[in-house]
């Protein structure tokens, strides 16, 4: 059974930083595509960032480019999202996702999801 557990969310002032972590268990994730999504109140879940299994390819939503950095540490089965220069519009529940198909990096159709961690940015 695949399990993903996010952590690191919280309340931060605009301009501040947070680092989210996603601990994966139940499989060897070193070959899995992984990504971050978010859902703000009253809105649909949206793509934030993705990273290939090797970490050599990374993709970002336009709204977070230059501010967020996705990374992974395969030896620890952990995915990260470093978020800098946070804005109130970044407020959302952030979810990590993973999939054994490397092509999911492009399709973004992830099979496994975490429960989410709340990020609130005050103005």
Protein backbone atom coordinates (compact mmCIF):
# COMPACT_ATOMS: atom_id res chain seq x y z
CA UNK A 1 0.00 0.00 0.00
CA UNK A 2 1.39 3.37 -1.03
CA UNK A 3 1.28 6.07 1.61
CA UNK A 4 2.19 9.73 1.28
CA UNK A 5 2.35 12.04 4.28
CA UNK A 6 2.85 15.77 3.85
CA UNK A 7 4.25 18.08 6.53
CA UNK A 8 5.65 21.57 6.90
CA UNK A 9 2.57 23.65 6.29
CA UNK A 10 1.55 26.52 8.51
CA UNK A 11 0.84 30.22 8.79
CA UNK A 12 3.36 32.67 7.34
CA UNK A 13 3.39 36.34 6.43
CA UNK A 14 3.54 37.47 2.84
CA UNK A 15 7.15 37.43 1.64
CA UNK A 16 8.04 34.57 3.95
CA UNK A 17 9.14 31.03 3.22
CA UNK A 18 8.06 27.48 4.02
CA UNK A 19 9.42 24.08 3.08
CA UNK A 20 6.96 21.25 2.58
CA UNK A 21 7.98 17.63 2.85
CA UNK A 22 6.27 14.49 1.61
CA UNK A 23 7.35 11.17 3.09
CA UNK A 24 6.54 8.15 0.93
CA UNK A 25 6.28 4.58 2.12
CA UNK A 26 5.14 1.22 0.85
CA UNK A 27 7.23 1.15 -2.31
CA UNK A 28 10.63 2.11 -3.64
CA UNK A 29 9.96 5.53 -5.08
CA UNK A 30 13.27 6.15 -6.73
CA UNK A 31 11.73 5.41 -10.15
CA UNK A 32 8.41 7.15 -9.55
CA UNK A 33 7.31 10.52 -10.91
CA UNK A 34 6.29 12.89 -8.13
CA UNK A 35 4.51 16.21 -7.95
CA UNK A 36 2.82 18.88 -5.87
CA UNK A 37 -0.68 20.23 -6.31
CA UNK A 38 -2.78 22.69 -4.32
CA UNK A 39 -6.42 23.51 -3.76
CA UNK A 40 -7.65 26.85 -2.51
CA UNK A 41 -11.12 27.26 -0.95
CA UNK A 42 -13.81 27.22 -3.61
CA UNK A 43 -11.35 26.37 -6.38
CA UNK A 44 -10.32 23.24 -8.22
CA UNK A 45 -7.09 21.47 -7.41
CA UNK A 46 -4.27 22.81 -9.56
CA UNK A 47 -0.80 21.69 -10.58
CA UNK A 48 2.12 23.34 -8.78
CA UNK A 49 5.29 21.43 -9.65
CA UNK A 50 6.60 18.07 -10.85
CA UNK A 51 9.90 16.26 -10.80
CA UNK A 52 11.06 13.26 -12.82
CA UNK A 53 12.22 10.09 -11.11
CA UNK A 54 15.88 11.04 -11.53
CA UNK A 55 15.36 14.65 -10.52
CA UNK A 56 16.87 15.82 -13.81
CA UNK A 57 13.61 17.34 -15.07
CA UNK A 58 11.40 19.79 -13.22
CA UNK A 59 8.24 21.57 -14.26
CA UNK A 60 6.40 24.43 -12.58
CA UNK A 61 3.14 26.29 -12.87
CA UNK A 62 3.67 29.79 -14.21
CA UNK A 63 2.32 31.26 -10.99
CA UNK A 64 5.14 29.78 -8.89
CA UNK A 65 8.10 29.87 -11.27
CA UNK A 66 11.10 31.59 -9.72
CA UNK A 67 9.62 31.33 -6.22
CA UNK A 68 9.13 27.57 -5.60
CA UNK A 69 11.65 24.76 -5.98
CA UNK A 70 10.76 21.08 -6.10
CA UNK A 71 13.36 18.49 -5.13
CA UNK A 72 13.56 14.89 -4.03
CA UNK A 73 15.82 12.70 -1.95
CA UNK A 74 15.31 9.16 -3.22
CA UNK A 75 17.43 7.58 -0.49
CA UNK A 76 14.92 8.92 2.02
CA UNK A 77 11.79 8.46 -0.15
CA UNK A 78 11.07 12.13 0.43
CA UNK A 79 9.80 14.92 -1.81
CA UNK A 80 10.24 18.60 -0.97
CA UNK A 81 8.76 21.92 -2.02
CA UNK A 82 10.71 25.02 -1.03
CA UNK A 83 8.39 28.01 -1.20
CA UNK A 84 9.87 31.51 -1.10
CA UNK A 85 8.37 34.98 -1.53
CA UNK A 86 4.98 33.62 -0.55
CA UNK A 87 1.87 35.56 -1.50
CA UNK A 88 -1.65 35.49 -0.04
CA UNK A 89 -2.83 33.81 -3.25
CA UNK A 90 -0.58 30.85 -2.42
CA UNK A 91 -2.94 30.01 0.45
CA UNK A 92 -4.25 26.49 -0.13
CA UNK A 93 -4.06 22.88 0.94
CA UNK A 94 -0.96 21.41 -0.68
CA UNK A 95 -0.92 17.79 -1.80
CA UNK A 96 1.92 15.57 -2.94
CA UNK A 97 1.32 12.84 -5.49
CA UNK A 98 3.23 9.99 -7.03
CA UNK A 99 2.90 7.40 -9.77
CA UNK A 100 5.02 4.45 -10.92
CA UNK A 101 4.69 5.48 -14.58
CA UNK A 102 7.51 7.90 -15.46
CA UNK A 103 5.26 9.43 -18.14
CA UNK A 104 3.10 10.83 -15.38
CA UNK A 105 5.65 13.64 -15.21
CA UNK A 106 4.05 14.81 -18.50
CA UNK A 107 0.45 13.60 -18.09
CA UNK A 108 0.07 14.69 -14.41
CA UNK A 109 -2.40 11.81 -13.89
CA UNK A 110 -1.06 10.63 -10.55
CA UNK A 111 -2.42 7.47 -8.95
CA UNK A 112 -1.47 8.11 -5.32
CA UNK A 113 -2.14 11.19 -3.21
CA UNK A 114 -1.40 12.40 0.28
CA UNK A 115 -3.94 13.94 2.66
CA UNK A 116 -2.60 17.46 2.27
CA UNK A 117 -1.07 20.15 4.45
CA UNK A 118 -2.51 23.62 4.93
CA UNK A 119 -0.49 26.67 3.92
CA UNK A 120 -1.87 30.06 4.90
CA UNK A 121 -0.18 33.29 3.83
CA UNK A 122 -1.33 36.44 5.57
CA UNK A 123 -1.08 39.87 3.97
